[in-house]
Amino acid sequence: DKVNKTRLKVNRVNLVQAIKLDDELLSKIRQLNLIDTQEHINIINKTTREDRVKILIDSLITKNHSRKDWYFVFRNLLEQNNYSDLVTFLDNTIIKKPEFVKKIFISSTRQMMS
């Protein structure tokens, strides 16, 4: 779940620039329980397309999802709505720990074993 939320964070600018969040797509997202009623209202109350997408992505990133497959549902919905380039970006996003975190982990593990 954390990895998939990070995928959205890393690709947020691309998603906001590319997604044309019309009423039909937003309704599908709501029907699939990716957002709740209040989130849906918050999105439709925004005046610009970009603001609507920002609220959507932020909602997906910050909420505790009731569906365990939320990310794959969202990903497949993008693919079905001609956003295969975005799906490629999401799929190719490599999420890994930065080098300094690895070094700290290795160092602390060695100290514990000594």
N, C-alpha and C. Protein backbone atom coordinates (compact mmCIF):
# COMPACT_ATOMS: atom_id res chain seq x y z
N ASP A 1 0.83 -1.19 0.00
CA ASP A 1 0.00 0.00 0.00
C ASP A 1 0.87 1.25 0.00
N LYS A 2 1.89 1.26 0.84
CA LYS A 2 2.80 2.40 0.93
C LYS A 2 3.54 2.61 -0.39
N VAL A 3 3.96 1.53 -1.00
CA VAL A 3 4.67 1.61 -2.27
C VAL A 3 3.77 2.22 -3.35
N ASN A 4 2.53 1.79 -3.40
CA ASN A 4 1.62 2.30 -4.42
C ASN A 4 1.26 3.77 -4.18
N LYS A 5 1.14 4.16 -2.92
CA LYS A 5 0.92 5.57 -2.63
C LYS A 5 2.13 6.40 -3.04
N THR A 6 3.32 5.84 -2.84
CA THR A 6 4.54 6.53 -3.25
C THR A 6 4.59 6.66 -4.77
N ARG A 7 4.14 5.65 -5.48
CA ARG A 7 4.07 5.73 -6.95
C ARG A 7 3.25 6.94 -7.38
N LEU A 8 2.12 7.13 -6.71
CA LEU A 8 1.27 8.28 -7.06
C LEU A 8 1.94 9.60 -6.69
N LYS A 9 2.61 9.62 -5.54
CA LYS A 9 3.32 10.85 -5.13
C LYS A 9 4.39 11.23 -6.15
N VAL A 10 5.18 10.25 -6.53
CA VAL A 10 6.30 10.49 -7.46
C VAL A 10 5.78 10.96 -8.82
N ASN A 11 4.64 10.46 -9.23
CA ASN A 11 4.09 10.78 -10.55
C ASN A 11 2.95 11.81 -10.50
N ARG A 12 2.81 12.47 -9.37
CA ARG A 12 1.68 13.39 -9.17
C ARG A 12 1.61 14.47 -10.25
N VAL A 13 2.73 15.08 -10.59
CA VAL A 13 2.74 16.14 -11.60
C VAL A 13 2.26 15.60 -12.94
N ASN A 14 2.78 14.45 -13.35
CA ASN A 14 2.35 13.84 -14.61
C ASN A 14 0.85 13.54 -14.59
N LEU A 15 0.37 13.00 -13.48
CA LEU A 15 -1.04 12.66 -13.37
C LEU A 15 -1.91 13.91 -13.47
N VAL A 16 -1.53 14.95 -12.74
CA VAL A 16 -2.31 16.19 -12.74
C VAL A 16 -2.33 16.82 -14.13
N GLN A 17 -1.21 16.79 -14.81
CA GLN A 17 -1.15 17.41 -16.14
C GLN A 17 -1.92 16.62 -17.19
N ALA A 18 -1.98 15.31 -17.04
CA ALA A 18 -2.52 14.48 -18.12
C ALA A 18 -3.99 14.08 -17.96
N ILE A 19 -4.44 13.85 -16.73
CA ILE A 19 -5.79 13.31 -16.55
C ILE A 19 -6.85 14.38 -16.80
N LYS A 20 -7.77 14.05 -17.66
CA LYS A 20 -8.94 14.90 -17.92
C LYS A 20 -10.08 14.31 -17.10
N LEU A 21 -10.25 14.81 -15.91
CA LEU A 21 -11.19 14.23 -14.95
C LEU A 21 -12.60 14.75 -15.23
N ASP A 22 -13.25 14.11 -16.20
CA ASP A 22 -14.62 14.50 -16.51
C ASP A 22 -15.59 13.80 -15.57
N ASP A 23 -16.87 14.15 -15.68
CA ASP A 23 -17.88 13.59 -14.77
C ASP A 23 -17.99 12.08 -14.88
N GLU A 24 -17.84 11.56 -16.08
CA GLU A 24 -17.95 10.11 -16.28
C GLU A 24 -16.83 9.36 -15.57
N LEU A 25 -15.60 9.81 -15.73
CA LEU A 25 -14.46 9.16 -15.07
C LEU A 25 -14.58 9.30 -13.56
N LEU A 26 -14.95 10.48 -13.10
CA LEU A 26 -15.09 10.69 -11.66
C LEU A 26 -16.20 9.80 -11.09
N SER A 27 -17.28 9.63 -11.82
CA SER A 27 -18.36 8.75 -11.36
C SER A 27 -17.89 7.31 -11.26
N LYS A 28 -17.09 6.87 -12.21
CA LYS A 28 -16.55 5.51 -12.16
C LYS A 28 -15.67 5.34 -10.92
N ILE A 29 -14.84 6.35 -10.66
CA ILE A 29 -13.96 6.30 -9.49
C ILE A 29 -14.77 6.20 -8.22
N ARG A 30 -15.85 6.94 -8.14
CA ARG A 30 -16.74 6.90 -6.97
C ARG A 30 -17.45 5.55 -6.88
N GLN A 31 -17.97 5.07 -7.99
CA GLN A 31 -18.70 3.78 -8.00
C GLN A 31 -17.82 2.63 -7.58
N LEU A 32 -16.54 2.73 -7.86
CA LEU A 32 -15.59 1.67 -7.49
C LEU A 32 -15.07 1.84 -6.06
N ASN A 33 -15.63 2.80 -5.34
CA ASN A 33 -15.28 3.06 -3.94
C ASN A 33 -13.82 3.43 -3.73
N LEU A 34 -13.26 4.11 -4.72
CA LEU A 34 -11.90 4.61 -4.55
C LEU A 34 -11.90 5.92 -3.76
N ILE A 35 -13.02 6.63 -3.84
CA ILE A 35 -13.23 7.83 -3.03
C ILE A 35 -14.62 7.74 -2.41
N ASP A 36 -14.81 8.46 -1.32
CA ASP A 36 -16.13 8.46 -0.69
C ASP A 36 -16.94 9.67 -1.16
N THR A 37 -18.14 9.79 -0.66
CA THR A 37 -19.04 10.86 -1.08
C THR A 37 -18.46 12.24 -0.79
N GLN A 38 -17.90 12.42 0.39
CA GLN A 38 -17.34 13.73 0.73
C GLN A 38 -16.16 14.10 -0.17
N GLU A 39 -15.32 13.13 -0.46
CA GLU A 39 -14.19 13.38 -1.37
C GLU A 39 -14.71 13.74 -2.76
N HIS A 40 -15.74 13.05 -3.19
CA HIS A 40 -16.37 13.33 -4.49
C HIS A 40 -16.88 14.77 -4.53
N ILE A 41 -17.55 15.18 -3.48
CA ILE A 41 -18.06 16.56 -3.39
C ILE A 41 -16.91 17.56 -3.40
N ASN A 42 -15.86 17.28 -2.64
CA ASN A 42 -14.69 18.17 -2.62
C ASN A 42 -14.08 18.34 -4.01
N ILE A 43 -14.07 17.26 -4.76
CA ILE A 43 -13.49 17.31 -6.10
C ILE A 43 -14.37 18.12 -7.05
N ILE A 44 -15.67 17.85 -7.05
CA ILE A 44 -16.53 18.56 -8.01
C ILE A 44 -16.69 20.04 -7.68
N ASN A 45 -16.40 20.42 -6.44
CA ASN A 45 -16.48 21.83 -6.07
C ASN A 45 -15.28 22.65 -6.52
N LYS A 46 -14.24 22.01 -6.99
CA LYS A 46 -13.07 22.73 -7.50
C LYS A 46 -13.38 23.25 -8.91
N THR A 47 -12.82 24.42 -9.22
CA THR A 47 -13.18 25.06 -10.48
C THR A 47 -12.30 24.64 -11.66
N THR A 48 -11.04 24.29 -11.39
CA THR A 48 -10.17 23.92 -12.51
C THR A 48 -9.96 22.41 -12.57
N ARG A 49 -9.68 21.94 -13.76
CA ARG A 49 -9.41 20.52 -13.97
C ARG A 49 -8.22 20.08 -13.13
N GLU A 50 -7.18 20.90 -13.12
CA GLU A 50 -5.98 20.55 -12.37
C GLU A 50 -6.27 20.41 -10.88
N ASP A 51 -7.05 21.34 -10.33
CA ASP A 51 -7.39 21.27 -8.91
C ASP A 51 -8.20 20.02 -8.59
N ARG A 52 -9.08 19.64 -9.51
CA ARG A 52 -9.88 18.42 -9.30
C ARG A 52 -8.97 17.19 -9.23
N VAL A 53 -8.03 17.12 -10.16
CA VAL A 53 -7.12 15.97 -10.19
C VAL A 53 -6.21 15.97 -8.96
N LYS A 54 -5.75 17.15 -8.55
CA LYS A 54 -4.90 17.24 -7.35
C LYS A 54 -5.64 16.69 -6.13
N ILE A 55 -6.89 17.09 -5.96
CA ILE A 55 -7.68 16.61 -4.83
C ILE A 55 -7.86 15.09 -4.92
N LEU A 56 -8.13 14.60 -6.11
CA LEU A 56 -8.28 13.15 -6.30
C LEU A 56 -7.01 12.41 -5.90
N ILE A 57 -5.88 12.82 -6.45
CA ILE A 57 -4.61 12.13 -6.18
C ILE A 57 -4.28 12.24 -4.70
N ASP A 58 -4.45 13.41 -4.12
CA ASP A 58 -4.17 13.58 -2.69
C ASP A 58 -5.07 12.69 -1.84
N SER A 59 -6.32 12.56 -2.24
CA SER A 59 -7.24 11.66 -1.51
C SER A 59 -6.76 10.22 -1.58
N LEU A 60 -6.34 9.80 -2.78
CA LEU A 60 -5.86 8.42 -2.94
C LEU A 60 -4.60 8.17 -2.12
N ILE A 61 -3.75 9.19 -2.02
CA ILE A 61 -2.48 9.05 -1.31
C ILE A 61 -2.69 9.02 0.21
N THR A 62 -3.59 9.83 0.71
CA THR A 62 -3.69 10.02 2.16
C THR A 62 -4.69 9.13 2.88
N LYS A 63 -5.62 8.55 2.17
CA LYS A 63 -6.68 7.82 2.87
C LYS A 63 -6.28 6.37 3.18
N ASN A 64 -6.96 5.83 4.16
CA ASN A 64 -6.86 4.40 4.44
C ASN A 64 -7.95 3.73 3.63
N HIS A 65 -7.55 3.01 2.64
CA HIS A 65 -8.50 2.43 1.69
C HIS A 65 -9.19 1.20 2.25
N SER A 66 -10.49 1.14 2.02
CA SER A 66 -11.24 -0.04 2.44
C SER A 66 -10.98 -1.21 1.49
N ARG A 67 -10.69 -0.89 0.25
CA ARG A 67 -10.37 -1.92 -0.74
C ARG A 67 -8.86 -2.17 -0.74
N LYS A 68 -8.47 -3.40 -0.64
CA LYS A 68 -7.04 -3.72 -0.68
C LYS A 68 -6.47 -3.57 -2.09
N ASP A 69 -7.32 -3.68 -3.09
CA ASP A 69 -6.88 -3.61 -4.48
C ASP A 69 -7.07 -2.22 -5.10
N TRP A 70 -7.21 -1.19 -4.25
CA TRP A 70 -7.53 0.16 -4.73
C TRP A 70 -6.58 0.65 -5.81
N TYR A 71 -5.29 0.41 -5.63
CA TYR A 71 -4.32 0.92 -6.59
C TYR A 71 -4.49 0.25 -7.95
N PHE A 72 -4.68 -1.06 -7.94
CA PHE A 72 -4.81 -1.78 -9.21
C PHE A 72 -6.12 -1.43 -9.91
N VAL A 73 -7.15 -1.16 -9.14
CA VAL A 73 -8.42 -0.71 -9.71
C VAL A 73 -8.22 0.65 -10.38
N PHE A 74 -7.54 1.56 -9.67
CA PHE A 74 -7.27 2.89 -10.23
C PHE A 74 -6.39 2.79 -11.47
N ARG A 75 -5.35 1.99 -11.38
CA ARG A 75 -4.44 1.79 -12.50
C ARG A 75 -5.18 1.25 -13.72
N ASN A 76 -6.03 0.24 -13.52
CA ASN A 76 -6.78 -0.35 -14.62
C ASN A 76 -7.80 0.63 -15.19
N LEU A 77 -8.38 1.42 -14.35
CA LEU A 77 -9.32 2.44 -14.81
C LEU A 77 -8.62 3.46 -15.71
N LEU A 78 -7.41 3.85 -15.32
CA LEU A 78 -6.62 4.75 -16.19
C LEU A 78 -6.36 4.09 -17.54
N GLU A 79 -5.97 2.84 -17.49
CA GLU A 79 -5.65 2.12 -18.73
C GLU A 79 -6.89 2.02 -19.63
N GLN A 80 -8.04 1.75 -19.05
CA GLN A 80 -9.28 1.63 -19.82
C GLN A 80 -9.74 2.96 -20.41
N ASN A 81 -9.23 4.05 -19.86
CA ASN A 81 -9.64 5.38 -20.31
C ASN A 81 -8.53 6.09 -21.09
N ASN A 82 -7.73 5.29 -21.78
CA ASN A 82 -6.71 5.81 -22.71
C ASN A 82 -5.58 6.58 -22.04
N TYR A 83 -5.22 6.17 -20.84
CA TYR A 83 -4.07 6.76 -20.16
C TYR A 83 -2.96 5.74 -20.01
N SER A 84 -2.72 4.99 -21.06
CA SER A 84 -1.70 3.94 -20.99
C SER A 84 -0.30 4.51 -20.76
N ASP A 85 -0.03 5.72 -21.24
CA ASP A 85 1.28 6.34 -20.98
C ASP A 85 1.47 6.59 -19.49
N LEU A 86 0.42 7.03 -18.81
CA LEU A 86 0.50 7.24 -17.37
C LEU A 86 0.69 5.92 -16.63
N VAL A 87 0.00 4.91 -17.08
CA VAL A 87 0.14 3.59 -16.47
C VAL A 87 1.57 3.09 -16.63
N THR A 88 2.17 3.35 -17.78
CA THR A 88 3.57 2.98 -18.01
C THR A 88 4.47 3.70 -17.02
N PHE A 89 4.24 5.01 -16.82
CA PHE A 89 5.02 5.76 -15.82
C PHE A 89 4.86 5.13 -14.45
N LEU A 90 3.62 4.82 -14.07
CA LEU A 90 3.37 4.24 -12.75
C LEU A 90 4.05 2.88 -12.62
N ASP A 91 3.90 2.05 -13.65
CA ASP A 91 4.48 0.71 -13.61
C ASP A 91 6.00 0.73 -13.56
N ASN A 92 6.60 1.74 -14.17
CA ASN A 92 8.06 1.81 -14.24
C ASN A 92 8.69 2.61 -13.10
N THR A 93 7.88 3.06 -12.19
CA THR A 93 8.40 3.79 -11.05
C THR A 93 9.00 2.80 -10.07
N ILE A 94 10.30 2.95 -9.85
CA ILE A 94 11.00 2.06 -8.94
C ILE A 94 11.06 2.72 -7.57
N ILE A 95 10.52 2.03 -6.61
CA ILE A 95 10.50 2.55 -5.25
C ILE A 95 11.52 1.76 -4.45
N LYS A 96 12.56 2.46 -3.99
CA LYS A 96 13.56 1.79 -3.17
C LYS A 96 14.08 2.76 -2.12
N LYS A 97 14.68 2.20 -1.11
CA LYS A 97 15.24 3.02 -0.06
C LYS A 97 16.45 3.78 -0.58
N PRO A 98 16.60 5.05 -0.18
CA PRO A 98 17.81 5.79 -0.58
C PRO A 98 19.05 5.13 0.01
N GLU A 99 20.20 5.34 -0.62
CA GLU A 99 21.47 4.74 -0.20
C GLU A 99 21.79 5.01 1.26
N PHE A 100 21.57 6.25 1.73
CA PHE A 100 21.95 6.55 3.10
C PHE A 100 21.13 5.74 4.11
N VAL A 101 19.88 5.41 3.75
CA VAL A 101 19.06 4.58 4.64
C VAL A 101 19.62 3.17 4.69
N LYS A 102 20.04 2.64 3.55
CA LYS A 102 20.64 1.31 3.52
C LYS A 102 21.90 1.27 4.37
N LYS A 103 22.74 2.30 4.25
CA LYS A 103 23.99 2.34 5.00
C LYS A 103 23.71 2.38 6.50
N ILE A 104 22.74 3.18 6.91
CA ILE A 104 22.38 3.26 8.32
C ILE A 104 21.86 1.91 8.82
N PHE A 105 21.02 1.27 8.01
CA PHE A 105 20.46 -0.03 8.39
C PHE A 105 21.58 -1.07 8.52
N ILE A 106 22.48 -1.12 7.56
CA ILE A 106 23.58 -2.10 7.59
C ILE A 106 24.47 -1.83 8.80
N SER A 107 24.77 -0.56 9.04
CA SER A 107 25.61 -0.19 10.17
C SER A 107 24.97 -0.58 11.50
N SER A 108 23.70 -0.29 11.66
CA SER A 108 23.04 -0.61 12.92
C SER A 108 22.88 -2.12 13.11
N THR A 109 22.68 -2.85 12.00
CA THR A 109 22.57 -4.30 12.07
C THR A 109 23.91 -4.90 12.51
N ARG A 110 25.00 -4.40 11.98
CA ARG A 110 26.32 -4.89 12.36
C ARG A 110 26.60 -4.61 13.85
N GLN A 111 26.21 -3.44 14.30
CA GLN A 111 26.42 -3.08 15.71
C GLN A 111 25.61 -4.00 16.64
N MET A 112 24.42 -4.34 16.21
CA MET A 112 23.58 -5.22 17.03
C MET A 112 24.15 -6.63 17.10
N MET A 113 24.80 -7.04 16.01
CA MET A 113 25.32 -8.40 15.96
C MET A 113 26.66 -8.51 16.72
N SER A 114 27.31 -7.39 16.97
CA SER A 114 28.62 -7.42 17.66
C SER A 114 28.46 -7.61 19.14
